[in-house]
Amino acid sequence: MIYLALSPIPPGLLYHLSRNLYVSLTNTAIGLPLITSRGPNFKMPESSEFTYLTDNSTPTSSEIISSVNMLWESEEFEKTSLTFAGAGDPLLQLPTLLETVKGLKETNPDKNISFR
């Protein structure tokens, strides 16, 4: 398994549950963030390598596309789906989300990738 903490991927950008990749676009949410709503004892599984984006950064679509493609090339992760989630509300970064989906479809034309 590739350990995200040891890779050149920006901290907090990607995490995984099993072989499925998740993208964090922001730590910001308008209301109560989903992670917070689960209660004070909720923790993401350590194996997910989830961390908050550093310095409340907002990654660019090119950072996300190159990072996701790098991990998909490793064959450690399923190349069938990508979920936009994380600590904040990904829809607050809708332009980046849409650019990322478009870019990943263009760089992976032979794959039928499901985006959530």
PDB file of N, CA and C in Angstrom:
ATOM      1  N   MET A   1       0.853  -1.186   0.000  1.00  0.00           N
ATOM      2  CA  MET A   1       0.000   0.000   0.000  1.00  0.00           C
ATOM      3  C   MET A   1       0.890   1.237   0.000  1.00  0.00           C
ATOM      4  N   ILE A   2       0.530   2.207  -0.789  1.00  0.00           N
ATOM      5  CA  ILE A   2       1.252   3.480  -0.802  1.00  0.00           C
ATOM      6  C   ILE A   2       0.822   4.285   0.406  1.00  0.00           C
ATOM      7  N   TYR A   3       1.761   4.840   1.107  1.00  0.00           N
ATOM      8  CA  TYR A   3       1.434   5.676   2.251  1.00  0.00           C
ATOM      9  C   TYR A   3       1.479   7.129   1.815  1.00  0.00           C
ATOM     10  N   LEU A   4       0.339   7.788   1.879  1.00  0.00           N
ATOM     11  CA  LEU A   4       0.208   9.153   1.388  1.00  0.00           C
ATOM     12  C   LEU A   4       1.161  10.109   2.079  1.00  0.00           C
ATOM     13  N   ALA A   5       1.462   9.874   3.338  1.00  0.00           N
ATOM     14  CA  ALA A   5       2.345  10.770   4.085  1.00  0.00           C
ATOM     15  C   ALA A   5       3.767  10.764   3.526  1.00  0.00           C
ATOM     16  N   LEU A   6       4.150   9.708   2.839  1.00  0.00           N
ATOM     17  CA  LEU A   6       5.503   9.592   2.315  1.00  0.00           C
ATOM     18  C   LEU A   6       5.598   9.993   0.852  1.00  0.00           C
ATOM     19  N   SER A   7       4.507  10.391   0.242  1.00  0.00           N
ATOM     20  CA  SER A   7       4.496  10.718  -1.180  1.00  0.00           C
ATOM     21  C   SER A   7       4.577  12.228  -1.379  1.00  0.00           C
ATOM     22  N   PRO A   8       4.788  12.665  -2.634  1.00  0.00           N
ATOM     23  CA  PRO A   8       4.852  14.102  -2.911  1.00  0.00           C
ATOM     24  C   PRO A   8       3.480  14.779  -2.972  1.00  0.00           C
ATOM     25  N   ILE A   9       2.449  14.081  -2.613  1.00  0.00           N
ATOM     26  CA  ILE A   9       1.094  14.631  -2.634  1.00  0.00           C
ATOM     27  C   ILE A   9       0.934  15.609  -1.469  1.00  0.00           C
ATOM     28  N   PRO A  10       0.347  16.787  -1.733  1.00  0.00           N
ATOM     29  CA  PRO A  10       0.152  17.758  -0.644  1.00  0.00           C
ATOM     30  C   PRO A  10      -0.601  17.144   0.538  1.00  0.00           C
ATOM     31  N   PRO A  11      -0.151  17.404   1.762  1.00  0.00           N
ATOM     32  CA  PRO A  11      -0.793  16.828   2.951  1.00  0.00           C
ATOM     33  C   PRO A  11      -2.281  17.170   3.020  1.00  0.00           C
ATOM     34  N   GLY A  12      -3.081  16.154   3.281  1.00  0.00           N
ATOM     35  CA  GLY A  12      -4.514  16.342   3.452  1.00  0.00           C
ATOM     36  C   GLY A  12      -5.316  16.299   2.169  1.00  0.00           C
ATOM     37  N   LEU A  13      -4.656  16.277   1.015  1.00  0.00           N
ATOM     38  CA  LEU A  13      -5.374  16.319  -0.258  1.00  0.00           C
ATOM     39  C   LEU A  13      -6.165  15.044  -0.524  1.00  0.00           C
ATOM     40  N   LEU A  14      -5.539  13.899  -0.333  1.00  0.00           N
ATOM     41  CA  LEU A  14      -6.182  12.613  -0.620  1.00  0.00           C
ATOM     42  C   LEU A  14      -6.168  11.716   0.607  1.00  0.00           C
ATOM     43  N   TYR A  15      -7.174  10.882   0.691  1.00  0.00           N
ATOM     44  CA  TYR A  15      -7.190   9.809   1.676  1.00  0.00           C
ATOM     45  C   TYR A  15      -7.940   8.647   1.050  1.00  0.00           C
ATOM     46  N   HIS A  16      -7.952   7.515   1.721  1.00  0.00           N
ATOM     47  CA  HIS A  16      -8.587   6.344   1.119  1.00  0.00           C
ATOM     48  C   HIS A  16      -9.313   5.527   2.170  1.00  0.00           C
ATOM     49  N   LEU A  17     -10.342   4.891   1.727  1.00  0.00           N
ATOM     50  CA  LEU A  17     -11.052   3.889   2.518  1.00  0.00           C
ATOM     51  C   LEU A  17     -11.024   2.642   1.663  1.00  0.00           C
ATOM     52  N   SER A  18     -10.325   1.638   2.148  1.00  0.00           N
ATOM     53  CA  SER A  18     -10.052   0.440   1.378  1.00  0.00           C
ATOM     54  C   SER A  18      -9.246   0.863   0.145  1.00  0.00           C
ATOM     55  N   ARG A  19      -9.691   0.483  -1.047  1.00  0.00           N
ATOM     56  CA  ARG A  19      -8.959   0.835  -2.272  1.00  0.00           C
ATOM     57  C   ARG A  19      -9.603   2.005  -3.018  1.00  0.00           C
ATOM     58  N   ASN A  20     -10.475   2.733  -2.352  1.00  0.00           N
ATOM     59  CA  ASN A  20     -11.171   3.856  -2.972  1.00  0.00           C
ATOM     60  C   ASN A  20     -10.571   5.177  -2.512  1.00  0.00           C
ATOM     61  N   LEU A  21     -10.323   6.072  -3.465  1.00  0.00           N
ATOM     62  CA  LEU A  21      -9.718   7.370  -3.167  1.00  0.00           C
ATOM     63  C   LEU A  21     -10.764   8.441  -2.897  1.00  0.00           C
ATOM     64  N   TYR A  22     -10.416   9.339  -1.994  1.00  0.00           N
ATOM     65  CA  TYR A  22     -11.251  10.482  -1.626  1.00  0.00           C
ATOM     66  C   TYR A  22     -10.403  11.744  -1.744  1.00  0.00           C
ATOM     67  N   VAL A  23     -11.031  12.833  -2.193  1.00  0.00           N
ATOM     68  CA  VAL A  23     -10.354  14.119  -2.354  1.00  0.00           C
ATOM     69  C   VAL A  23     -10.928  15.118  -1.366  1.00  0.00           C
ATOM     70  N   SER A  24     -10.054  15.807  -0.663  1.00  0.00           N
ATOM     71  CA  SER A  24     -10.467  16.917   0.207  1.00  0.00           C
ATOM     72  C   SER A  24     -10.223  18.209  -0.557  1.00  0.00           C
ATOM     73  N   LEU A  25     -11.274  18.982  -0.774  1.00  0.00           N
ATOM     74  CA  LEU A  25     -11.137  20.248  -1.489  1.00  0.00           C
ATOM     75  C   LEU A  25     -11.023  21.440  -0.555  1.00  0.00           C
ATOM     76  N   THR A  26     -11.549  21.304   0.660  1.00  0.00           N
ATOM     77  CA  THR A  26     -11.538  22.417   1.604  1.00  0.00           C
ATOM     78  C   THR A  26     -11.809  21.900   3.014  1.00  0.00           C
ATOM     79  N   ASN A  27     -11.394  22.654   4.001  1.00  0.00           N
ATOM     80  CA  ASN A  27     -11.759  22.362   5.392  1.00  0.00           C
ATOM     81  C   ASN A  27     -12.987  23.164   5.808  1.00  0.00           C
ATOM     82  N   THR A  28     -13.472  24.024   4.916  1.00  0.00           N
ATOM     83  CA  THR A  28     -14.551  24.953   5.227  1.00  0.00           C
ATOM     84  C   THR A  28     -15.918  24.348   4.933  1.00  0.00           C
ATOM     85  N   ALA A  29     -16.867  24.632   5.813  1.00  0.00           N
ATOM     86  CA  ALA A  29     -18.263  24.223   5.604  1.00  0.00           C
ATOM     87  C   ALA A  29     -19.154  25.371   6.061  1.00  0.00           C
ATOM     88  N   ILE A  30     -20.294  25.530   5.410  1.00  0.00           N
ATOM     89  CA  ILE A  30     -21.229  26.595   5.794  1.00  0.00           C
ATOM     90  C   ILE A  30     -21.874  26.261   7.136  1.00  0.00           C
ATOM     91  N   GLY A  31     -22.314  25.045   7.283  1.00  0.00           N
ATOM     92  CA  GLY A  31     -22.939  24.620   8.532  1.00  0.00           C
ATOM     93  C   GLY A  31     -21.984  23.753   9.324  1.00  0.00           C
ATOM     94  N   LEU A  32     -22.530  22.776   9.977  1.00  0.00           N
ATOM     95  CA  LEU A  32     -21.744  21.835  10.765  1.00  0.00           C
ATOM     96  C   LEU A  32     -21.091  20.823   9.823  1.00  0.00           C
ATOM     97  N   PRO A  33     -19.768  20.719   9.818  1.00  0.00           N
ATOM     98  CA  PRO A  33     -19.112  19.742   8.950  1.00  0.00           C
ATOM     99  C   PRO A  33     -19.553  18.317   9.292  1.00  0.00           C
ATOM    100  N   LEU A  34     -19.607  17.469   8.278  1.00  0.00           N
ATOM    101  CA  LEU A  34     -20.060  16.093   8.462  1.00  0.00           C
ATOM    102  C   LEU A  34     -19.259  15.377   9.549  1.00  0.00           C
ATOM    103  N   ILE A  35     -17.954  15.538   9.532  1.00  0.00           N
ATOM    104  CA  ILE A  35     -17.116  14.863  10.530  1.00  0.00           C
ATOM    105  C   ILE A  35     -17.501  15.313  11.937  1.00  0.00           C
ATOM    106  N   THR A  36     -17.721  16.599  12.126  1.00  0.00           N
ATOM    107  CA  THR A  36     -18.110  17.138  13.432  1.00  0.00           C
ATOM    108  C   THR A  36     -19.488  16.639  13.842  1.00  0.00           C
ATOM    109  N   SER A  37     -20.386  16.517  12.873  1.00  0.00           N
ATOM    110  CA  SER A  37     -21.755  16.092  13.183  1.00  0.00           C
ATOM    111  C   SER A  37     -21.827  14.660  13.695  1.00  0.00           C
ATOM    112  N   ARG A  38     -20.777  13.905  13.486  1.00  0.00           N
ATOM    113  CA  ARG A  38     -20.764  12.510  13.936  1.00  0.00           C
ATOM    114  C   ARG A  38     -20.416  12.366  15.413  1.00  0.00           C
ATOM    115  N   GLY A  39     -20.096  13.471  16.053  1.00  0.00           N
ATOM    116  CA  GLY A  39     -19.850  13.440  17.493  1.00  0.00           C
ATOM    117  C   GLY A  39     -18.387  13.542  17.850  1.00  0.00           C
ATOM    118  N   PRO A  40     -18.104  13.866  19.111  1.00  0.00           N
ATOM    119  CA  PRO A  40     -16.729  14.111  19.546  1.00  0.00           C
ATOM    120  C   PRO A  40     -15.847  12.861  19.547  1.00  0.00           C
ATOM    121  N   ASN A  41     -16.443  11.694  19.571  1.00  0.00           N
ATOM    122  CA  ASN A  41     -15.644  10.468  19.605  1.00  0.00           C
ATOM    123  C   ASN A  41     -15.394   9.883  18.221  1.00  0.00           C
ATOM    124  N   PHE A  42     -15.959  10.512  17.179  1.00  0.00           N
ATOM    125  CA  PHE A  42     -15.766   9.988  15.825  1.00  0.00           C
ATOM    126  C   PHE A  42     -14.347  10.267  15.350  1.00  0.00           C
ATOM    127  N   LYS A  43     -13.736   9.261  14.767  1.00  0.00           N
ATOM    128  CA  LYS A  43     -12.411   9.408  14.167  1.00  0.00           C
ATOM    129  C   LYS A  43     -12.388   8.621  12.869  1.00  0.00           C
ATOM    130  N   MET A  44     -11.745   9.193  11.878  1.00  0.00           N
ATOM    131  CA  MET A  44     -11.536   8.459  10.635  1.00  0.00           C
ATOM    132  C   MET A  44     -10.585   7.304  10.949  1.00  0.00           C
ATOM    133  N   PRO A  45     -10.748   6.171  10.272  1.00  0.00           N
ATOM    134  CA  PRO A  45      -9.827   5.060  10.518  1.00  0.00           C
ATOM    135  C   PRO A  45      -8.382   5.484  10.230  1.00  0.00           C
ATOM    136  N   GLU A  46      -7.478   5.075  11.088  1.00  0.00           N
ATOM    137  CA  GLU A  46      -6.072   5.418  10.899  1.00  0.00           C
ATOM    138  C   GLU A  46      -5.560   4.954   9.548  1.00  0.00           C
ATOM    139  N   SER A  47      -6.053   3.811   9.092  1.00  0.00           N
ATOM    140  CA  SER A  47      -5.610   3.255   7.814  1.00  0.00           C
ATOM    141  C   SER A  47      -5.998   4.130   6.624  1.00  0.00           C
ATOM    142  N   SER A  48      -6.939   5.052   6.810  1.00  0.00           N
ATOM    143  CA  SER A  48      -7.372   5.921   5.707  1.00  0.00           C
ATOM    144  C   SER A  48      -6.338   6.993   5.377  1.00  0.00           C
ATOM    145  N   GLU A  49      -5.433   7.261   6.310  1.00  0.00           N
ATOM    146  CA  GLU A  49      -4.427   8.307   6.175  1.00  0.00           C
ATOM    147  C   GLU A  49      -5.068   9.690   6.031  1.00  0.00           C
ATOM    148  N   PHE A  50      -6.276   9.847   6.566  1.00  0.00           N
ATOM    149  CA  PHE A  50      -6.967  11.131   6.516  1.00  0.00           C
ATOM    150  C   PHE A  50      -6.279  12.141   7.418  1.00  0.00           C
ATOM    151  N   THR A  51      -6.066  13.333   6.899  1.00  0.00           N
ATOM    152  CA  THR A  51      -5.631  14.481   7.689  1.00  0.00           C
ATOM    153  C   THR A  51      -6.331  15.709   7.114  1.00  0.00           C
ATOM    154  N   TYR A  52      -6.429  16.739   7.910  1.00  0.00           N
ATOM    155  CA  TYR A  52      -6.999  17.987   7.418  1.00  0.00           C
ATOM    156  C   TYR A  52      -6.020  18.642   6.452  1.00  0.00           C
ATOM    157  N   LEU A  53      -6.543  19.380   5.488  1.00  0.00           N
ATOM    158  CA  LEU A  53      -5.684  20.165   4.609  1.00  0.00           C
ATOM    159  C   LEU A  53      -4.869  21.128   5.466  1.00  0.00           C
ATOM    160  N   THR A  54      -3.607  21.279   5.156  1.00  0.00           N
ATOM    161  CA  THR A  54      -2.749  22.151   5.958  1.00  0.00           C
ATOM    162  C   THR A  54      -3.044  23.618   5.674  1.00  0.00           C
ATOM    163  N   ASP A  55      -2.986  24.427   6.703  1.00  0.00           N
ATOM    164  CA  ASP A  55      -3.169  25.877   6.598  1.00  0.00           C
ATOM    165  C   ASP A  55      -4.449  26.264   5.865  1.00  0.00           C
ATOM    166  N   ASN A  56      -5.483  25.418   5.976  1.00  0.00           N
ATOM    167  CA  ASN A  56      -6.747  25.674   5.276  1.00  0.00           C
ATOM    168  C   ASN A  56      -6.534  25.960   3.794  1.00  0.00           C
ATOM    169  N   SER A  57      -5.570  25.277   3.205  1.00  0.00           N
ATOM    170  CA  SER A  57      -5.280  25.466   1.789  1.00  0.00           C
ATOM    171  C   SER A  57      -6.430  24.951   0.931  1.00  0.00           C
ATOM    172  N   THR A  58      -6.507  25.447  -0.277  1.00  0.00           N
ATOM    173  CA  THR A  58      -7.473  24.937  -1.249  1.00  0.00           C
ATOM    174  C   THR A  58      -6.676  24.490  -2.465  1.00  0.00           C
ATOM    175  N   PRO A  59      -6.616  23.192  -2.703  1.00  0.00           N
ATOM    176  CA  PRO A  59      -5.803  22.668  -3.795  1.00  0.00           C
ATOM    177  C   PRO A  59      -6.355  23.072  -5.162  1.00  0.00           C
ATOM    178  N   THR A  60      -5.467  23.120  -6.133  1.00  0.00           N
ATOM    179  CA  THR A  60      -5.872  23.426  -7.501  1.00  0.00           C
ATOM    180  C   THR A  60      -6.276  22.137  -8.210  1.00  0.00           C
ATOM    181  N   SER A  61      -7.011  22.292  -9.298  1.00  0.00           N
ATOM    182  CA  SER A  61      -7.419  21.109 -10.053  1.00  0.00           C
ATOM    183  C   SER A  61      -6.193  20.385 -10.607  1.00  0.00           C
ATOM    184  N   SER A  62      -5.166  21.107 -11.021  1.00  0.00           N
ATOM    185  CA  SER A  62      -3.974  20.440 -11.561  1.00  0.00           C
ATOM    186  C   SER A  62      -3.247  19.632 -10.485  1.00  0.00           C
ATOM    187  N   GLU A  63      -3.199  20.134  -9.249  1.00  0.00           N
ATOM    188  CA  GLU A  63      -2.607  19.365  -8.140  1.00  0.00           C
ATOM    189  C   GLU A  63      -3.393  18.076  -7.910  1.00  0.00           C
ATOM    190  N   ILE A  64      -4.703  18.202  -7.931  1.00  0.00           N
ATOM    191  CA  ILE A  64      -5.554  17.034  -7.679  1.00  0.00           C
ATOM    192  C   ILE A  64      -5.402  16.018  -8.801  1.00  0.00           C
ATOM    193  N   ILE A  65      -5.481  16.479 -10.042  1.00  0.00           N
ATOM    194  CA  ILE A  65      -5.395  15.575 -11.193  1.00  0.00           C
ATOM    195  C   ILE A  65      -4.074  14.817 -11.188  1.00  0.00           C
ATOM    196  N   SER A  66      -2.962  15.514 -11.000  1.00  0.00           N
ATOM    197  CA  SER A  66      -1.666  14.827 -11.021  1.00  0.00           C
ATOM    198  C   SER A  66      -1.528  13.861  -9.849  1.00  0.00           C
ATOM    199  N   SER A  67      -2.031  14.236  -8.683  1.00  0.00           N
ATOM    200  CA  SER A  67      -1.941  13.361  -7.505  1.00  0.00           C
ATOM    201  C   SER A  67      -2.801  12.112  -7.671  1.00  0.00           C
ATOM    202  N   VAL A  68      -4.024  12.290  -8.138  1.00  0.00           N
ATOM    203  CA  VAL A  68      -4.924  11.143  -8.330  1.00  0.00           C
ATOM    204  C   VAL A  68      -4.357  10.213  -9.394  1.00  0.00           C
ATOM    205  N   ASN A  69      -3.917  10.765 -10.522  1.00  0.00           N
ATOM    206  CA  ASN A  69      -3.363   9.920 -11.583  1.00  0.00           C
ATOM    207  C   ASN A  69      -2.129   9.163 -11.110  1.00  0.00           C
ATOM    208  N   MET A  70      -1.294   9.804 -10.296  1.00  0.00           N
ATOM    209  CA  MET A  70      -0.108   9.135  -9.768  1.00  0.00           C
ATOM    210  C   MET A  70      -0.510   7.909  -8.942  1.00  0.00           C
ATOM    211  N   LEU A  71      -1.510   8.062  -8.085  1.00  0.00           N
ATOM    212  CA  LEU A  71      -1.931   6.930  -7.258  1.00  0.00           C
ATOM    213  C   LEU A  71      -2.660   5.878  -8.079  1.00  0.00           C
ATOM    214  N   TRP A  72      -3.462   6.297  -9.044  1.00  0.00           N
ATOM    215  CA  TRP A  72      -4.141   5.317  -9.893  1.00  0.00           C
ATOM    216  C   TRP A  72      -3.129   4.496 -10.693  1.00  0.00           C
ATOM    217  N   GLU A  73      -2.028   5.107 -11.116  1.00  0.00           N
ATOM    218  CA  GLU A  73      -0.987   4.381 -11.849  1.00  0.00           C
ATOM    219  C   GLU A  73      -0.338   3.310 -10.983  1.00  0.00           C
ATOM    220  N   SER A  74      -0.367   3.491  -9.683  1.00  0.00           N
ATOM    221  CA  SER A  74       0.257   2.528  -8.772  1.00  0.00           C
ATOM    222  C   SER A  74      -0.513   1.218  -8.700  1.00  0.00           C
ATOM    223  N   GLU A  75      -1.751   1.215  -9.142  1.00  0.00           N
ATOM    224  CA  GLU A  75      -2.649   0.058  -9.105  1.00  0.00           C
ATOM    225  C   GLU A  75      -2.971  -0.398  -7.684  1.00  0.00           C
ATOM    226  N   GLU A  76      -2.629   0.409  -6.692  1.00  0.00           N
ATOM    227  CA  GLU A  76      -2.994   0.103  -5.310  1.00  0.00           C
ATOM    228  C   GLU A  76      -4.436   0.504  -5.027  1.00  0.00           C
ATOM    229  N   PHE A  77      -4.982   1.364  -5.899  1.00  0.00           N
ATOM    230  CA  PHE A  77      -6.321   1.899  -5.680  1.00  0.00           C
ATOM    231  C   PHE A  77      -7.200   1.619  -6.886  1.00  0.00           C
ATOM    232  N   GLU A  78      -8.486   1.449  -6.639  1.00  0.00           N
ATOM    233  CA  GLU A  78      -9.450   1.242  -7.716  1.00  0.00           C
ATOM    234  C   GLU A  78      -9.483   2.473  -8.608  1.00  0.00           C
ATOM    235  N   LYS A  79      -9.511   2.242  -9.898  1.00  0.00           N
ATOM    236  CA  LYS A  79      -9.592   3.345 -10.853  1.00  0.00           C
ATOM    237  C   LYS A  79     -11.008   3.408 -11.421  1.00  0.00           C
ATOM    238  N   THR A  80     -11.987   3.194 -10.557  1.00  0.00           N
ATOM    239  CA  THR A  80     -13.377   3.184 -11.001  1.00  0.00           C
ATOM    240  C   THR A  80     -14.192   4.308 -10.395  1.00  0.00           C
ATOM    241  N   SER A  81     -13.716   4.877  -9.285  1.00  0.00           N
ATOM    242  CA  SER A  81     -14.482   5.950  -8.653  1.00  0.00           C
ATOM    243  C   SER A  81     -13.560   6.901  -7.899  1.00  0.00           C
ATOM    244  N   LEU A  82     -14.087   8.109  -7.709  1.00  0.00           N
ATOM    245  CA  LEU A  82     -13.393   9.121  -6.924  1.00  0.00           C
ATOM    246  C   LEU A  82     -14.465   9.903  -6.186  1.00  0.00           C
ATOM    247  N   THR A  83     -14.282  10.060  -4.888  1.00  0.00           N
ATOM    248  CA  THR A  83     -15.271  10.753  -4.068  1.00  0.00           C
ATOM    249  C   THR A  83     -14.689  12.061  -3.551  1.00  0.00           C
ATOM    250  N   PHE A  84     -15.440  13.140  -3.729  1.00  0.00           N
ATOM    251  CA  PHE A  84     -15.064  14.443  -3.190  1.00  0.00           C
ATOM    252  C   PHE A  84     -15.733  14.571  -1.834  1.00  0.00           C
ATOM    253  N   ALA A  85     -14.927  14.594  -0.789  1.00  0.00           N
ATOM    254  CA  ALA A  85     -15.466  14.638   0.576  1.00  0.00           C
ATOM    255  C   ALA A  85     -14.487  15.428   1.432  1.00  0.00           C
ATOM    256  N   GLY A  86     -14.094  14.891   2.560  1.00  0.00           N
ATOM    257  CA  GLY A  86     -13.124  15.555   3.421  1.00  0.00           C
ATOM    258  C   GLY A  86     -13.761  16.265   4.590  1.00  0.00           C
ATOM    259  N   ALA A  87     -13.013  17.184   5.171  1.00  0.00           N
ATOM    260  CA  ALA A  87     -13.468  17.878   6.375  1.00  0.00           C
ATOM    261  C   ALA A  87     -14.494  18.959   6.074  1.00  0.00           C
ATOM    262  N   GLY A  88     -14.451  19.532   4.889  1.00  0.00           N
ATOM    263  CA  GLY A  88     -15.364  20.617   4.538  1.00  0.00           C
ATOM    264  C   GLY A  88     -16.351  20.208   3.462  1.00  0.00           C
ATOM    265  N   ASP A  89     -17.062  21.194   2.944  1.00  0.00           N
ATOM    266  CA  ASP A  89     -18.064  20.967   1.906  1.00  0.00           C
ATOM    267  C   ASP A  89     -17.415  21.152   0.536  1.00  0.00           C
ATOM    268  N   PRO A  90     -17.249  20.079  -0.238  1.00  0.00           N
ATOM    269  CA  PRO A  90     -16.575  20.195  -1.530  1.00  0.00           C
ATOM    270  C   PRO A  90     -17.295  21.121  -2.509  1.00  0.00           C
ATOM    271  N   LEU A  91     -18.594  21.313  -2.335  1.00  0.00           N
ATOM    272  CA  LEU A  91     -19.324  22.189  -3.253  1.00  0.00           C
ATOM    273  C   LEU A  91     -18.951  23.658  -3.080  1.00  0.00           C
ATOM    274  N   LEU A  92     -18.294  23.993  -1.981  1.00  0.00           N
ATOM    275  CA  LEU A  92     -17.800  25.360  -1.819  1.00  0.00           C
ATOM    276  C   LEU A  92     -16.640  25.644  -2.775  1.00  0.00           C
ATOM    277  N   GLN A  93     -16.083  24.604  -3.337  1.00  0.00           N
ATOM    278  CA  GLN A  93     -15.005  24.719  -4.325  1.00  0.00           C
ATOM    279  C   GLN A  93     -15.478  24.129  -5.656  1.00  0.00           C
ATOM    280  N   LEU A  94     -16.723  24.433  -6.029  1.00  0.00           N
ATOM    281  CA  LEU A  94     -17.338  23.834  -7.221  1.00  0.00           C
ATOM    282  C   LEU A  94     -16.515  24.032  -8.494  1.00  0.00           C
ATOM    283  N   PRO A  95     -15.979  25.213  -8.799  1.00  0.00           N
ATOM    284  CA  PRO A  95     -15.179  25.336 -10.021  1.00  0.00           C
ATOM    285  C   PRO A  95     -13.990  24.364 -10.052  1.00  0.00           C
ATOM    286  N   THR A  96     -13.315  24.208  -8.930  1.00  0.00           N
ATOM    287  CA  THR A  96     -12.189  23.271  -8.854  1.00  0.00           C
ATOM    288  C   THR A  96     -12.673  21.839  -9.028  1.00  0.00           C
ATOM    289  N   LEU A  97     -13.782  21.495  -8.395  1.00  0.00           N
ATOM    290  CA  LEU A  97     -14.350  20.155  -8.515  1.00  0.00           C
ATOM    291  C   LEU A  97     -14.657  19.851  -9.981  1.00  0.00           C
ATOM    292  N   LEU A  98     -15.326  20.767 -10.674  1.00  0.00           N
ATOM    293  CA  LEU A  98     -15.699  20.547 -12.076  1.00  0.00           C
ATOM    294  C   LEU A  98     -14.474  20.463 -12.984  1.00  0.00           C
ATOM    295  N   GLU A  99     -13.477  21.319 -12.760  1.00  0.00           N
ATOM    296  CA  GLU A  99     -12.236  21.265 -13.543  1.00  0.00           C
ATOM    297  C   GLU A  99     -11.510  19.942 -13.315  1.00  0.00           C
ATOM    298  N   THR A 100     -11.547  19.456 -12.086  1.00  0.00           N
ATOM    299  CA  THR A 100     -10.891  18.190 -11.755  1.00  0.00           C
ATOM    300  C   THR A 100     -11.569  17.028 -12.465  1.00  0.00           C
ATOM    301  N   VAL A 101     -12.886  16.979 -12.416  1.00  0.00           N
ATOM    302  CA  VAL A 101     -13.622  15.903 -13.093  1.00  0.00           C
ATOM    303  C   VAL A 101     -13.313  15.928 -14.587  1.00  0.00           C
ATOM    304  N   LYS A 102     -13.373  17.099 -15.185  1.00  0.00           N
ATOM    305  CA  LYS A 102     -13.091  17.231 -16.620  1.00  0.00           C
ATOM    306  C   LYS A 102     -11.673  16.752 -16.934  1.00  0.00           C
ATOM    307  N   GLY A 103     -10.699  17.194 -16.143  1.00  0.00           N
ATOM    308  CA  GLY A 103      -9.310  16.814 -16.371  1.00  0.00           C
ATOM    309  C   GLY A 103      -9.058  15.326 -16.200  1.00  0.00           C
ATOM    310  N   LEU A 104      -9.688  14.723 -15.205  1.00  0.00           N
ATOM    311  CA  LEU A 104      -9.502  13.280 -14.997  1.00  0.00           C
ATOM    312  C   LEU A 104     -10.170  12.470 -16.103  1.00  0.00           C
ATOM    313  N   LYS A 105     -11.296  12.945 -16.601  1.00  0.00           N
ATOM    314  CA  LYS A 105     -11.936  12.258 -17.736  1.00  0.00           C
ATOM    315  C   LYS A 105     -11.054  12.356 -18.976  1.00  0.00           C
ATOM    316  N   GLU A 106     -10.433  13.518 -19.182  1.00  0.00           N
ATOM    317  CA  GLU A 106      -9.558  13.711 -20.343  1.00  0.00           C
ATOM    318  C   GLU A 106      -8.286  12.879 -20.248  1.00  0.00           C
ATOM    319  N   THR A 107      -7.732  12.737 -19.055  1.00  0.00           N
ATOM    320  CA  THR A 107      -6.482  11.982 -18.904  1.00  0.00           C
ATOM    321  C   THR A 107      -6.716  10.483 -18.745  1.00  0.00           C
ATOM    322  N   ASN A 108      -7.965  10.077 -18.599  1.00  0.00           N
ATOM    323  CA  ASN A 108      -8.316   8.659 -18.455  1.00  0.00           C
ATOM    324  C   ASN A 108      -9.499   8.324 -19.360  1.00  0.00           C
ATOM    325  N   PRO A 109      -9.374   8.571 -20.686  1.00  0.00           N
ATOM    326  CA  PRO A 109     -10.532   8.414 -21.573  1.00  0.00           C
ATOM    327  C   PRO A 109     -11.029   6.978 -21.704  1.00  0.00           C
ATOM    328  N   ASP A 110     -10.171   6.018 -21.415  1.00  0.00           N
ATOM    329  CA  ASP A 110     -10.553   4.615 -21.557  1.00  0.00           C
ATOM    330  C   ASP A 110     -11.239   4.050 -20.318  1.00  0.00           C
ATOM    331  N   LYS A 111     -11.390   4.852 -19.294  1.00  0.00           N
ATOM    332  CA  LYS A 111     -11.991   4.378 -18.041  1.00  0.00           C
ATOM    333  C   LYS A 111     -13.367   4.993 -17.833  1.00  0.00           C
ATOM    334  N   ASN A 112     -14.254   4.212 -17.266  1.00  0.00           N
ATOM    335  CA  ASN A 112     -15.591   4.692 -16.915  1.00  0.00           C
ATOM    336  C   ASN A 112     -15.582   5.005 -15.419  1.00  0.00           C
ATOM    337  N   ILE A 113     -15.107   6.191 -15.082  1.00  0.00           N
ATOM    338  CA  ILE A 113     -14.919   6.573 -13.682  1.00  0.00           C
ATOM    339  C   ILE A 113     -16.184   7.214 -13.139  1.00  0.00           C
ATOM    340  N   SER A 114     -16.591   6.770 -11.969  1.00  0.00           N
ATOM    341  CA  SER A 114     -17.743   7.347 -11.279  1.00  0.00           C
ATOM    342  C   SER A 114     -17.240   8.407 -10.308  1.00  0.00           C
ATOM    343  N   PHE A 115     -17.805   9.607 -10.422  1.00  0.00           N
ATOM    344  CA  PHE A 115     -17.427  10.703  -9.528  1.00  0.00           C
ATOM    345  C   PHE A 115     -18.563  10.973  -8.563  1.00  0.00           C
ATOM    346  N   ARG A 116     -18.244  11.079  -7.279  1.00  0.00           N
ATOM    347  CA  ARG A 116     -19.259  11.331  -6.255  1.00  0.00           C
ATOM    348  C   ARG A 116     -18.860  12.536  -5.449  1.00  0.00           C
TER     349      ARG A 116
END
